[in-house]
Amino acid sequence: MAKNPGDRRETQSPAEAAAETEEPEEATRVRAEDDAQTRERQRAAEEGLCEADRALEDGGERLRATRAALGERERELERTSDLTREVAQSAAELRAKTAQIAEAARRKKEP
């Protein structure tokens, strides 16, 4: 392929070509600032995610504790229900015995 003397890219020295591809100082500074801001946003996002993880973990612990307390309350209610049933059954038996005693006492009084 023949060189075109009018094409600047073909007549540049390698050093000139490299200098042309280097980032201007202002662009370098702007990119560095942008990179620093990006790192700060990433750090803040990571911090927020860590905080959210802790909150979820704490919430999970509270849910487990609540579940355990509700389970204990349910067992207490079952025991109370059983005792109530026993008391009701005993009361019915006492009423029946009282009725029998009252009937027996009436029979003794009758001539």
PDB file of N, CA and C in Angstrom:
ATOM      1  N   MET A   1       0.838  -1.162   0.000  1.00  0.00           N
ATOM      2  CA  MET A   1       0.000   0.000   0.000  1.00  0.00           C
ATOM      3  C   MET A   1       0.897   1.243   0.000  1.00  0.00           C
ATOM      4  N   ALA A   2       0.585   2.172  -0.810  1.00  0.00           N
ATOM      5  CA  ALA A   2       1.411   3.365  -0.953  1.00  0.00           C
ATOM      6  C   ALA A   2       1.021   4.400   0.080  1.00  0.00           C
ATOM      7  N   LYS A   3       2.043   5.108   0.554  1.00  0.00           N
ATOM      8  CA  LYS A   3       1.792   6.175   1.528  1.00  0.00           C
ATOM      9  C   LYS A   3       1.260   7.392   0.803  1.00  0.00           C
ATOM     10  N   ASN A   4       0.328   8.050   1.445  1.00  0.00           N
ATOM     11  CA  ASN A   4      -0.242   9.272   0.908  1.00  0.00           C
ATOM     12  C   ASN A   4       0.398  10.425   1.664  1.00  0.00           C
ATOM     13  N   PRO A   5       1.241  11.212   1.050  1.00  0.00           N
ATOM     14  CA  PRO A   5       1.914  12.298   1.773  1.00  0.00           C
ATOM     15  C   PRO A   5       0.954  13.340   2.311  1.00  0.00           C
ATOM     16  N   GLY A   6      -0.258  13.405   1.810  1.00  0.00           N
ATOM     17  CA  GLY A   6      -1.225  14.378   2.316  1.00  0.00           C
ATOM     18  C   GLY A   6      -1.943  13.902   3.568  1.00  0.00           C
ATOM     19  N   ASP A   7      -1.873  12.613   3.860  1.00  0.00           N
ATOM     20  CA  ASP A   7      -2.536  12.048   5.054  1.00  0.00           C
ATOM     21  C   ASP A   7      -1.597  12.207   6.233  1.00  0.00           C
ATOM     22  N   ARG A   8      -1.964  13.042   7.165  1.00  0.00           N
ATOM     23  CA  ARG A   8      -1.121  13.367   8.330  1.00  0.00           C
ATOM     24  C   ARG A   8      -0.779  12.127   9.148  1.00  0.00           C
ATOM     25  N   ARG A   9      -1.728  11.184   9.235  1.00  0.00           N
ATOM     26  CA  ARG A   9      -1.478   9.979  10.031  1.00  0.00           C
ATOM     27  C   ARG A   9      -0.328   9.161   9.466  1.00  0.00           C
ATOM     28  N   GLU A  10      -0.173   9.215   8.166  1.00  0.00           N
ATOM     29  CA  GLU A  10       0.893   8.427   7.552  1.00  0.00           C
ATOM     30  C   GLU A  10       2.250   9.110   7.621  1.00  0.00           C
ATOM     31  N   THR A  11       2.283  10.396   7.859  1.00  0.00           N
ATOM     32  CA  THR A  11       3.554  11.123   7.907  1.00  0.00           C
ATOM     33  C   THR A  11       4.016  11.408   9.332  1.00  0.00           C
ATOM     34  N   GLN A  12       3.204  11.058  10.331  1.00  0.00           N
ATOM     35  CA  GLN A  12       3.563  11.314  11.744  1.00  0.00           C
ATOM     36  C   GLN A  12       4.591  10.302  12.206  1.00  0.00           C
ATOM     37  N   SER A  13       5.400  10.778  13.145  1.00  0.00           N
ATOM     38  CA  SER A  13       6.319   9.841  13.791  1.00  0.00           C
ATOM     39  C   SER A  13       5.528   9.061  14.840  1.00  0.00           C
ATOM     40  N   PRO A  14       6.007   7.916  15.255  1.00  0.00           N
ATOM     41  CA  PRO A  14       5.309   7.153  16.304  1.00  0.00           C
ATOM     42  C   PRO A  14       5.102   7.972  17.579  1.00  0.00           C
ATOM     43  N   ALA A  15       6.037   8.828  17.950  1.00  0.00           N
ATOM     44  CA  ALA A  15       5.909   9.657  19.161  1.00  0.00           C
ATOM     45  C   ALA A  15       4.773  10.656  18.991  1.00  0.00           C
ATOM     46  N   GLU A  16       4.663  11.225  17.781  1.00  0.00           N
ATOM     47  CA  GLU A  16       3.577  12.174  17.529  1.00  0.00           C
ATOM     48  C   GLU A  16       2.220  11.473  17.575  1.00  0.00           C
ATOM     49  N   ALA A  17       2.179  10.288  17.027  1.00  0.00           N
ATOM     50  CA  ALA A  17       0.929   9.525  17.038  1.00  0.00           C
ATOM     51  C   ALA A  17       0.543   9.176  18.475  1.00  0.00           C
ATOM     52  N   ALA A  18       1.508   8.790  19.297  1.00  0.00           N
ATOM     53  CA  ALA A  18       1.235   8.451  20.695  1.00  0.00           C
ATOM     54  C   ALA A  18       0.765   9.673  21.458  1.00  0.00           C
ATOM     55  N   ALA A  19       1.381  10.819  21.215  1.00  0.00           N
ATOM     56  CA  ALA A  19       0.999  12.053  21.911  1.00  0.00           C
ATOM     57  C   ALA A  19      -0.426  12.438  21.558  1.00  0.00           C
ATOM     58  N   GLU A  20      -0.819  12.153  20.324  1.00  0.00           N
ATOM     59  CA  GLU A  20      -2.168  12.481  19.896  1.00  0.00           C
ATOM     60  C   GLU A  20      -3.224  11.596  20.563  1.00  0.00           C
ATOM     61  N   THR A  21      -2.832  10.376  20.895  1.00  0.00           N
ATOM     62  CA  THR A  21      -3.791   9.452  21.517  1.00  0.00           C
ATOM     63  C   THR A  21      -3.831   9.605  23.028  1.00  0.00           C
ATOM     64  N   GLU A  22      -2.873  10.304  23.612  1.00  0.00           N
ATOM     65  CA  GLU A  22      -2.880  10.496  25.062  1.00  0.00           C
ATOM     66  C   GLU A  22      -4.065  11.373  25.452  1.00  0.00           C
ATOM     67  N   GLU A  23      -4.601  11.083  26.625  1.00  0.00           N
ATOM     68  CA  GLU A  23      -5.741  11.821  27.145  1.00  0.00           C
ATOM     69  C   GLU A  23      -5.295  13.207  27.577  1.00  0.00           C
ATOM     70  N   PRO A  24      -6.009  14.231  27.188  1.00  0.00           N
ATOM     71  CA  PRO A  24      -5.648  15.572  27.656  1.00  0.00           C
ATOM     72  C   PRO A  24      -5.728  15.640  29.181  1.00  0.00           C
ATOM     73  N   GLU A  25      -4.939  16.539  29.744  1.00  0.00           N
ATOM     74  CA  GLU A  25      -4.848  16.655  31.206  1.00  0.00           C
ATOM     75  C   GLU A  25      -6.203  16.919  31.851  1.00  0.00           C
ATOM     76  N   GLU A  26      -7.004  17.762  31.271  1.00  0.00           N
ATOM     77  CA  GLU A  26      -8.327  18.081  31.821  1.00  0.00           C
ATOM     78  C   GLU A  26      -9.223  16.841  31.825  1.00  0.00           C
ATOM     79  N   ALA A  27      -9.160  16.077  30.736  1.00  0.00           N
ATOM     80  CA  ALA A  27      -9.974  14.855  30.654  1.00  0.00           C
ATOM     81  C   ALA A  27      -9.521  13.851  31.704  1.00  0.00           C
ATOM     82  N   THR A  28      -8.213  13.778  31.931  1.00  0.00           N
ATOM     83  CA  THR A  28      -7.672  12.875  32.953  1.00  0.00           C
ATOM     84  C   THR A  28      -8.184  13.268  34.329  1.00  0.00           C
ATOM     85  N   ARG A  29      -8.157  14.581  34.609  1.00  0.00           N
ATOM     86  CA  ARG A  29      -8.636  15.065  35.903  1.00  0.00           C
ATOM     87  C   ARG A  29     -10.129  14.775  36.073  1.00  0.00           C
ATOM     88  N   VAL A  30     -10.920  15.043  35.031  1.00  0.00           N
ATOM     89  CA  VAL A  30     -12.363  14.816  35.097  1.00  0.00           C
ATOM     90  C   VAL A  30     -12.651  13.327  35.299  1.00  0.00           C
ATOM     91  N   ARG A  31     -11.907  12.475  34.567  1.00  0.00           N
ATOM     92  CA  ARG A  31     -12.113  11.033  34.711  1.00  0.00           C
ATOM     93  C   ARG A  31     -11.740  10.575  36.121  1.00  0.00           C
ATOM     94  N   ALA A  32     -10.662  11.108  36.668  1.00  0.00           N
ATOM     95  CA  ALA A  32     -10.238  10.740  38.030  1.00  0.00           C
ATOM     96  C   ALA A  32     -11.296  11.158  39.051  1.00  0.00           C
ATOM     97  N   GLU A  33     -11.856  12.363  38.872  1.00  0.00           N
ATOM     98  CA  GLU A  33     -12.918  12.822  39.781  1.00  0.00           C
ATOM     99  C   GLU A  33     -14.146  11.931  39.663  1.00  0.00           C
ATOM    100  N   ASP A  34     -14.492  11.595  38.424  1.00  0.00           N
ATOM    101  CA  ASP A  34     -15.651  10.725  38.196  1.00  0.00           C
ATOM    102  C   ASP A  34     -15.422   9.350  38.818  1.00  0.00           C
ATOM    103  N   ASP A  35     -14.201   8.833  38.661  1.00  0.00           N
ATOM    104  CA  ASP A  35     -13.870   7.539  39.272  1.00  0.00           C
ATOM    105  C   ASP A  35     -13.976   7.608  40.791  1.00  0.00           C
ATOM    106  N   ALA A  36     -13.519   8.706  41.380  1.00  0.00           N
ATOM    107  CA  ALA A  36     -13.592   8.873  42.836  1.00  0.00           C
ATOM    108  C   ALA A  36     -15.048   8.946  43.290  1.00  0.00           C
ATOM    109  N   GLN A  37     -15.862   9.674  42.531  1.00  0.00           N
ATOM    110  CA  GLN A  37     -17.284   9.758  42.872  1.00  0.00           C
ATOM    111  C   GLN A  37     -17.954   8.390  42.735  1.00  0.00           C
ATOM    112  N   THR A  38     -17.593   7.658  41.697  1.00  0.00           N
ATOM    113  CA  THR A  38     -18.147   6.313  41.500  1.00  0.00           C
ATOM    114  C   THR A  38     -17.755   5.405  42.664  1.00  0.00           C
ATOM    115  N   ARG A  39     -16.488   5.458  43.064  1.00  0.00           N
ATOM    116  CA  ARG A  39     -16.049   4.637  44.210  1.00  0.00           C
ATOM    117  C   ARG A  39     -16.806   5.022  45.478  1.00  0.00           C
ATOM    118  N   GLU A  40     -17.034   6.324  45.677  1.00  0.00           N
ATOM    119  CA  GLU A  40     -17.776   6.781  46.864  1.00  0.00           C
ATOM    120  C   GLU A  40     -19.218   6.270  46.820  1.00  0.00           C
ATOM    121  N   ARG A  41     -19.849   6.356  45.645  1.00  0.00           N
ATOM    122  CA  ARG A  41     -21.221   5.836  45.519  1.00  0.00           C
ATOM    123  C   ARG A  41     -21.253   4.334  45.772  1.00  0.00           C
ATOM    124  N   GLN A  42     -20.263   3.630  45.259  1.00  0.00           N
ATOM    125  CA  GLN A  42     -20.201   2.180  45.477  1.00  0.00           C
ATOM    126  C   GLN A  42     -20.003   1.862  46.963  1.00  0.00           C
ATOM    127  N   ARG A  43     -19.139   2.648  47.629  1.00  0.00           N
ATOM    128  CA  ARG A  43     -18.911   2.433  49.062  1.00  0.00           C
ATOM    129  C   ARG A  43     -20.190   2.693  49.846  1.00  0.00           C
ATOM    130  N   ALA A  44     -20.889   3.784  49.488  1.00  0.00           N
ATOM    131  CA  ALA A  44     -22.144   4.114  50.174  1.00  0.00           C
ATOM    132  C   ALA A  44     -23.195   3.040  49.904  1.00  0.00           C
ATOM    133  N   ALA A  45     -23.250   2.547  48.683  1.00  0.00           N
ATOM    134  CA  ALA A  45     -24.209   1.483  48.353  1.00  0.00           C
ATOM    135  C   ALA A  45     -23.881   0.217  49.123  1.00  0.00           C
ATOM    136  N   GLU A  46     -22.593  -0.115  49.212  1.00  0.00           N
ATOM    137  CA  GLU A  46     -22.186  -1.298  49.967  1.00  0.00           C
ATOM    138  C   GLU A  46     -22.548  -1.149  51.438  1.00  0.00           C
ATOM    139  N   GLU A  47     -22.314   0.039  51.975  1.00  0.00           N
ATOM    140  CA  GLU A  47     -22.660   0.313  53.368  1.00  0.00           C
ATOM    141  C   GLU A  47     -24.173   0.155  53.579  1.00  0.00           C
ATOM    142  N   GLY A  48     -24.946   0.693  52.637  1.00  0.00           N
ATOM    143  CA  GLY A  48     -26.404   0.560  52.718  1.00  0.00           C
ATOM    144  C   GLY A  48     -26.840  -0.896  52.646  1.00  0.00           C
ATOM    145  N   LEU A  49     -26.198  -1.661  51.782  1.00  0.00           N
ATOM    146  CA  LEU A  49     -26.545  -3.083  51.674  1.00  0.00           C
ATOM    147  C   LEU A  49     -26.184  -3.839  52.953  1.00  0.00           C
ATOM    148  N   CYS A  50     -25.038  -3.499  53.529  1.00  0.00           N
ATOM    149  CA  CYS A  50     -24.649  -4.143  54.799  1.00  0.00           C
ATOM    150  C   CYS A  50     -25.655  -3.809  55.892  1.00  0.00           C
ATOM    151  N   GLU A  51     -26.084  -2.560  55.928  1.00  0.00           N
ATOM    152  CA  GLU A  51     -27.080  -2.147  56.915  1.00  0.00           C
ATOM    153  C   GLU A  51     -28.403  -2.879  56.688  1.00  0.00           C
ATOM    154  N   ALA A  52     -28.788  -3.021  55.436  1.00  0.00           N
ATOM    155  CA  ALA A  52     -30.023  -3.757  55.112  1.00  0.00           C
ATOM    156  C   ALA A  52     -29.896  -5.217  55.517  1.00  0.00           C
ATOM    157  N   ASP A  53     -28.720  -5.808  55.302  1.00  0.00           N
ATOM    158  CA  ASP A  53     -28.490  -7.197  55.726  1.00  0.00           C
ATOM    159  C   ASP A  53     -28.648  -7.333  57.231  1.00  0.00           C
ATOM    160  N   ARG A  54     -28.083  -6.380  57.971  1.00  0.00           N
ATOM    161  CA  ARG A  54     -28.198  -6.430  59.435  1.00  0.00           C
ATOM    162  C   ARG A  54     -29.659  -6.294  59.860  1.00  0.00           C
ATOM    163  N   ALA A  55     -30.380  -5.387  59.205  1.00  0.00           N
ATOM    164  CA  ALA A  55     -31.796  -5.195  59.546  1.00  0.00           C
ATOM    165  C   ALA A  55     -32.591  -6.466  59.251  1.00  0.00           C
ATOM    166  N   LEU A  56     -32.306  -7.105  58.136  1.00  0.00           N
ATOM    167  CA  LEU A  56     -33.000  -8.358  57.802  1.00  0.00           C
ATOM    168  C   LEU A  56     -32.658  -9.451  58.813  1.00  0.00           C
ATOM    169  N   GLU A  57     -31.398  -9.497  59.194  1.00  0.00           N
ATOM    170  CA  GLU A  57     -30.976 -10.497  60.178  1.00  0.00           C
ATOM    171  C   GLU A  57     -31.676 -10.257  61.516  1.00  0.00           C
ATOM    172  N   ASP A  58     -31.710  -8.983  61.947  1.00  0.00           N
ATOM    173  CA  ASP A  58     -32.393  -8.641  63.199  1.00  0.00           C
ATOM    174  C   ASP A  58     -33.880  -8.971  63.100  1.00  0.00           C
ATOM    175  N   GLY A  59     -34.477  -8.637  61.972  1.00  0.00           N
ATOM    176  CA  GLY A  59     -35.900  -8.939  61.763  1.00  0.00           C
ATOM    177  C   GLY A  59     -36.152 -10.433  61.798  1.00  0.00           C
ATOM    178  N   GLY A  60     -35.251 -11.205  61.213  1.00  0.00           N
ATOM    179  CA  GLY A  60     -35.386 -12.660  61.236  1.00  0.00           C
ATOM    180  C   GLY A  60     -35.306 -13.203  62.656  1.00  0.00           C
ATOM    181  N   GLU A  61     -34.383 -12.650  63.444  1.00  0.00           N
ATOM    182  CA  GLU A  61     -34.269 -13.080  64.842  1.00  0.00           C
ATOM    183  C   GLU A  61     -35.543 -12.761  65.615  1.00  0.00           C
ATOM    184  N   ARG A  62     -36.092 -11.554  65.386  1.00  0.00           N
ATOM    185  CA  ARG A  62     -37.332 -11.175  66.072  1.00  0.00           C
ATOM    186  C   ARG A  62     -38.487 -12.085  65.639  1.00  0.00           C
ATOM    187  N   LEU A  63     -38.530 -12.417  64.363  1.00  0.00           N
ATOM    188  CA  LEU A  63     -39.590 -13.320  63.883  1.00  0.00           C
ATOM    189  C   LEU A  63     -39.470 -14.704  64.519  1.00  0.00           C
ATOM    190  N   ARG A  64     -38.239 -15.209  64.629  1.00  0.00           N
ATOM    191  CA  ARG A  64     -38.049 -16.515  65.272  1.00  0.00           C
ATOM    192  C   ARG A  64     -38.469 -16.466  66.738  1.00  0.00           C
ATOM    193  N   ALA A  65     -38.111 -15.372  67.430  1.00  0.00           N
ATOM    194  CA  ALA A  65     -38.496 -15.228  68.837  1.00  0.00           C
ATOM    195  C   ALA A  65     -40.018 -15.128  68.967  1.00  0.00           C
ATOM    196  N   THR A  66     -40.633 -14.373  68.064  1.00  0.00           N
ATOM    197  CA  THR A  66     -42.097 -14.240  68.088  1.00  0.00           C
ATOM    198  C   THR A  66     -42.755 -15.582  67.817  1.00  0.00           C
ATOM    199  N   ARG A  67     -42.219 -16.329  66.847  1.00  0.00           N
ATOM    200  CA  ARG A  67     -42.770 -17.642  66.530  1.00  0.00           C
ATOM    201  C   ARG A  67     -42.684 -18.574  67.748  1.00  0.00           C
ATOM    202  N   ALA A  68     -41.551 -18.535  68.443  1.00  0.00           N
ATOM    203  CA  ALA A  68     -41.388 -19.369  69.630  1.00  0.00           C
ATOM    204  C   ALA A  68     -42.381 -18.950  70.720  1.00  0.00           C
ATOM    205  N   ALA A  69     -42.536 -17.638  70.914  1.00  0.00           N
ATOM    206  CA  ALA A  69     -43.482 -17.154  71.926  1.00  0.00           C
ATOM    207  C   ALA A  69     -44.914 -17.534  71.563  1.00  0.00           C
ATOM    208  N   LEU A  70     -45.256 -17.418  70.290  1.00  0.00           N
ATOM    209  CA  LEU A  70     -46.609 -17.812  69.866  1.00  0.00           C
ATOM    210  C   LEU A  70     -46.834 -19.310  70.034  1.00  0.00           C
ATOM    211  N   GLY A  71     -45.815 -20.100  69.769  1.00  0.00           N
ATOM    212  CA  GLY A  71     -45.927 -21.543  69.978  1.00  0.00           C
ATOM    213  C   GLY A  71     -46.173 -21.871  71.439  1.00  0.00           C
ATOM    214  N   GLU A  72     -45.441 -21.184  72.326  1.00  0.00           N
ATOM    215  CA  GLU A  72     -45.635 -21.394  73.766  1.00  0.00           C
ATOM    216  C   GLU A  72     -47.028 -20.956  74.182  1.00  0.00           C
ATOM    217  N   ARG A  73     -47.486 -19.842  73.656  1.00  0.00           N
ATOM    218  CA  ARG A  73     -48.841 -19.350  73.976  1.00  0.00           C
ATOM    219  C   ARG A  73     -49.898 -20.343  73.502  1.00  0.00           C
ATOM    220  N   GLU A  74     -49.684 -20.913  72.330  1.00  0.00           N
ATOM    221  CA  GLU A  74     -50.627 -21.907  71.806  1.00  0.00           C
ATOM    222  C   GLU A  74     -50.679 -23.138  72.718  1.00  0.00           C
ATOM    223  N   ARG A  75     -49.509 -23.582  73.175  1.00  0.00           N
ATOM    224  CA  ARG A  75     -49.482 -24.731  74.108  1.00  0.00           C
ATOM    225  C   ARG A  75     -50.194 -24.397  75.418  1.00  0.00           C
ATOM    226  N   GLU A  76     -49.997 -23.147  75.917  1.00  0.00           N
ATOM    227  CA  GLU A  76     -50.691 -22.724  77.140  1.00  0.00           C
ATOM    228  C   GLU A  76     -52.209 -22.720  76.934  1.00  0.00           C
ATOM    229  N   LEU A  77     -52.638 -22.235  75.779  1.00  0.00           N
ATOM    230  CA  LEU A  77     -54.070 -22.208  75.488  1.00  0.00           C
ATOM    231  C   LEU A  77     -54.646 -23.621  75.386  1.00  0.00           C
ATOM    232  N   GLU A  78     -53.881 -24.542  74.815  1.00  0.00           N
ATOM    233  CA  GLU A  78     -54.332 -25.936  74.750  1.00  0.00           C
ATOM    234  C   GLU A  78     -54.484 -26.517  76.161  1.00  0.00           C
ATOM    235  N   ARG A  79     -53.483 -26.230  77.021  1.00  0.00           N
ATOM    236  CA  ARG A  79     -53.571 -26.720  78.406  1.00  0.00           C
ATOM    237  C   ARG A  79     -54.778 -26.102  79.107  1.00  0.00           C
ATOM    238  N   THR A  80     -54.997 -24.799  78.921  1.00  0.00           N
ATOM    239  CA  THR A  80     -56.143 -24.117  79.525  1.00  0.00           C
ATOM    240  C   THR A  80     -57.440 -24.717  79.012  1.00  0.00           C
ATOM    241  N   SER A  81     -57.497 -24.994  77.725  1.00  0.00           N
ATOM    242  CA  SER A  81     -58.694 -25.587  77.131  1.00  0.00           C
ATOM    243  C   SER A  81     -58.958 -26.969  77.734  1.00  0.00           C
ATOM    244  N   ASP A  82     -57.892 -27.758  77.883  1.00  0.00           N
ATOM    245  CA  ASP A  82     -58.042 -29.092  78.491  1.00  0.00           C
ATOM    246  C   ASP A  82     -58.546 -28.976  79.931  1.00  0.00           C
ATOM    247  N   LEU A  83     -57.966 -28.038  80.694  1.00  0.00           N
ATOM    248  CA  LEU A  83     -58.391 -27.852  82.086  1.00  0.00           C
ATOM    249  C   LEU A  83     -59.847 -27.380  82.153  1.00  0.00           C
ATOM    250  N   THR A  84     -60.236 -26.493  81.253  1.00  0.00           N
ATOM    251  CA  THR A  84     -61.617 -26.007  81.226  1.00  0.00           C
ATOM    252  C   THR A  84     -62.576 -27.149  80.951  1.00  0.00           C
ATOM    253  N   ARG A  85     -62.184 -28.007  80.001  1.00  0.00           N
ATOM    254  CA  ARG A  85     -63.016 -29.180  79.700  1.00  0.00           C
ATOM    255  C   ARG A  85     -63.143 -30.099  80.924  1.00  0.00           C
ATOM    256  N   GLU A  86     -62.027 -30.313  81.624  1.00  0.00           N
ATOM    257  CA  GLU A  86     -62.054 -31.160  82.827  1.00  0.00           C
ATOM    258  C   GLU A  86     -62.944 -30.543  83.907  1.00  0.00           C
ATOM    259  N   VAL A  87     -62.847 -29.235  84.114  1.00  0.00           N
ATOM    260  CA  VAL A  87     -63.663 -28.549  85.120  1.00  0.00           C
ATOM    261  C   VAL A  87     -65.141 -28.668  84.753  1.00  0.00           C
ATOM    262  N   ALA A  88     -65.455 -28.469  83.471  1.00  0.00           N
ATOM    263  CA  ALA A  88     -66.854 -28.576  83.032  1.00  0.00           C
ATOM    264  C   ALA A  88     -67.372 -29.998  83.248  1.00  0.00           C
ATOM    265  N   GLN A  89     -66.539 -30.985  82.947  1.00  0.00           N
ATOM    266  CA  GLN A  89     -66.954 -32.378  83.147  1.00  0.00           C
ATOM    267  C   GLN A  89     -67.146 -32.674  84.636  1.00  0.00           C
ATOM    268  N   SER A  90     -66.225 -32.185  85.479  1.00  0.00           N
ATOM    269  CA  SER A  90     -66.360 -32.392  86.930  1.00  0.00           C
ATOM    270  C   SER A  90     -67.610 -31.703  87.455  1.00  0.00           C
ATOM    271  N   ALA A  91     -67.902 -30.502  86.951  1.00  0.00           N
ATOM    272  CA  ALA A  91     -69.095 -29.776  87.385  1.00  0.00           C
ATOM    273  C   ALA A  91     -70.350 -30.554  87.005  1.00  0.00           C
ATOM    274  N   ALA A  92     -70.366 -31.138  85.825  1.00  0.00           N
ATOM    275  CA  ALA A  92     -71.528 -31.917  85.387  1.00  0.00           C
ATOM    276  C   ALA A  92     -71.688 -33.149  86.282  1.00  0.00           C
ATOM    277  N   GLU A  93     -70.581 -33.786  86.617  1.00  0.00           N
ATOM    278  CA  GLU A  93     -70.642 -34.959  87.502  1.00  0.00           C
ATOM    279  C   GLU A  93     -71.141 -34.559  88.884  1.00  0.00           C
ATOM    280  N   LEU A  94     -70.657 -33.404  89.410  1.00  0.00           N
ATOM    281  CA  LEU A  94     -71.108 -32.928  90.724  1.00  0.00           C
ATOM    282  C   LEU A  94     -72.602 -32.596  90.702  1.00  0.00           C
ATOM    283  N   ARG A  95     -73.071 -31.973  89.624  1.00  0.00           N
ATOM    284  CA  ARG A  95     -74.510 -31.682  89.524  1.00  0.00           C
ATOM    285  C   ARG A  95     -75.317 -32.982  89.524  1.00  0.00           C
ATOM    286  N   ALA A  96     -74.833 -33.968  88.814  1.00  0.00           N
ATOM    287  CA  ALA A  96     -75.547 -35.252  88.773  1.00  0.00           C
ATOM    288  C   ALA A  96     -75.563 -35.896  90.162  1.00  0.00           C
ATOM    289  N   LYS A  97     -74.442 -35.866  90.870  1.00  0.00           N
ATOM    290  CA  LYS A  97     -74.385 -36.448  92.217  1.00  0.00           C
ATOM    291  C   LYS A  97     -75.269 -35.671  93.177  1.00  0.00           C
ATOM    292  N   THR A  98     -75.245 -34.331  93.031  1.00  0.00           N
ATOM    293  CA  THR A  98     -76.094 -33.502  93.883  1.00  0.00           C
ATOM    294  C   THR A  98     -77.560 -33.835  93.645  1.00  0.00           C
ATOM    295  N   ALA A  99     -77.921 -34.015  92.391  1.00  0.00           N
ATOM    296  CA  ALA A  99     -79.304 -34.383  92.064  1.00  0.00           C
ATOM    297  C   ALA A  99     -79.640 -35.740  92.664  1.00  0.00           C
ATOM    298  N   GLN A 100     -78.723 -36.696  92.625  1.00  0.00           N
ATOM    299  CA  GLN A 100     -78.953 -38.016  93.215  1.00  0.00           C
ATOM    300  C   GLN A 100     -79.130 -37.921  94.727  1.00  0.00           C
ATOM    301  N   ILE A 101     -78.278 -37.116  95.372  1.00  0.00           N
ATOM    302  CA  ILE A 101     -78.366 -36.944  96.828  1.00  0.00           C
ATOM    303  C   ILE A 101     -79.682 -36.274  97.192  1.00  0.00           C
ATOM    304  N   ALA A 102     -80.048 -35.251  96.439  1.00  0.00           N
ATOM    305  CA  ALA A 102     -81.315 -34.552  96.710  1.00  0.00           C
ATOM    306  C   ALA A 102     -82.478 -35.518  96.534  1.00  0.00           C
ATOM    307  N   GLU A 103     -82.454 -36.342  95.502  1.00  0.00           N
ATOM    308  CA  GLU A 103     -83.525 -37.333  95.264  1.00  0.00           C
ATOM    309  C   GLU A 103     -83.555 -38.351  96.397  1.00  0.00           C
ATOM    310  N   ALA A 104     -82.395 -38.799  96.843  1.00  0.00           N
ATOM    311  CA  ALA A 104     -82.351 -39.774  97.937  1.00  0.00           C
ATOM    312  C   ALA A 104     -82.879 -39.150  99.224  1.00  0.00           C
ATOM    313  N   ALA A 105     -82.543 -37.874  99.478  1.00  0.00           N
ATOM    314  CA  ALA A 105     -83.024 -37.203 100.678  1.00  0.00           C
ATOM    315  C   ALA A 105     -84.533 -37.032 100.626  1.00  0.00           C
ATOM    316  N   ARG A 106     -85.091 -36.754  99.459  1.00  0.00           N
ATOM    317  CA  ARG A 106     -86.538 -36.605  99.321  1.00  0.00           C
ATOM    318  C   ARG A 106     -87.234 -37.935  99.600  1.00  0.00           C
ATOM    319  N   ARG A 107     -86.663 -39.000  99.122  1.00  0.00           N
ATOM    320  CA  ARG A 107     -87.264 -40.319  99.341  1.00  0.00           C
ATOM    321  C   ARG A 107     -87.277 -40.671 100.815  1.00  0.00           C
ATOM    322  N   LYS A 108     -86.215 -40.309 101.539  1.00  0.00           N
ATOM    323  CA  LYS A 108     -86.175 -40.622 102.957  1.00  0.00           C
ATOM    324  C   LYS A 108     -87.221 -39.850 103.714  1.00  0.00           C
ATOM    325  N   LYS A 109     -87.531 -38.656 103.303  1.00  0.00           N
ATOM    326  CA  LYS A 109     -88.489 -37.814 103.993  1.00  0.00           C
ATOM    327  C   LYS A 109     -89.920 -38.267 103.700  1.00  0.00           C
ATOM    328  N   GLU A 110     -90.168 -38.880 102.614  1.00  0.00           N
ATOM    329  CA  GLU A 110     -91.531 -39.297 102.267  1.00  0.00           C
ATOM    330  C   GLU A 110     -91.915 -40.481 103.160  1.00  0.00           C
ATOM    331  N   PRO A 111     -93.114 -40.413 103.634  1.00  0.00           N
ATOM    332  CA  PRO A 111     -93.573 -41.507 104.516  1.00  0.00           C
ATOM    333  C   PRO A 111     -93.922 -42.756 103.813  1.00  0.00           C
TER     334      PRO A 111
END
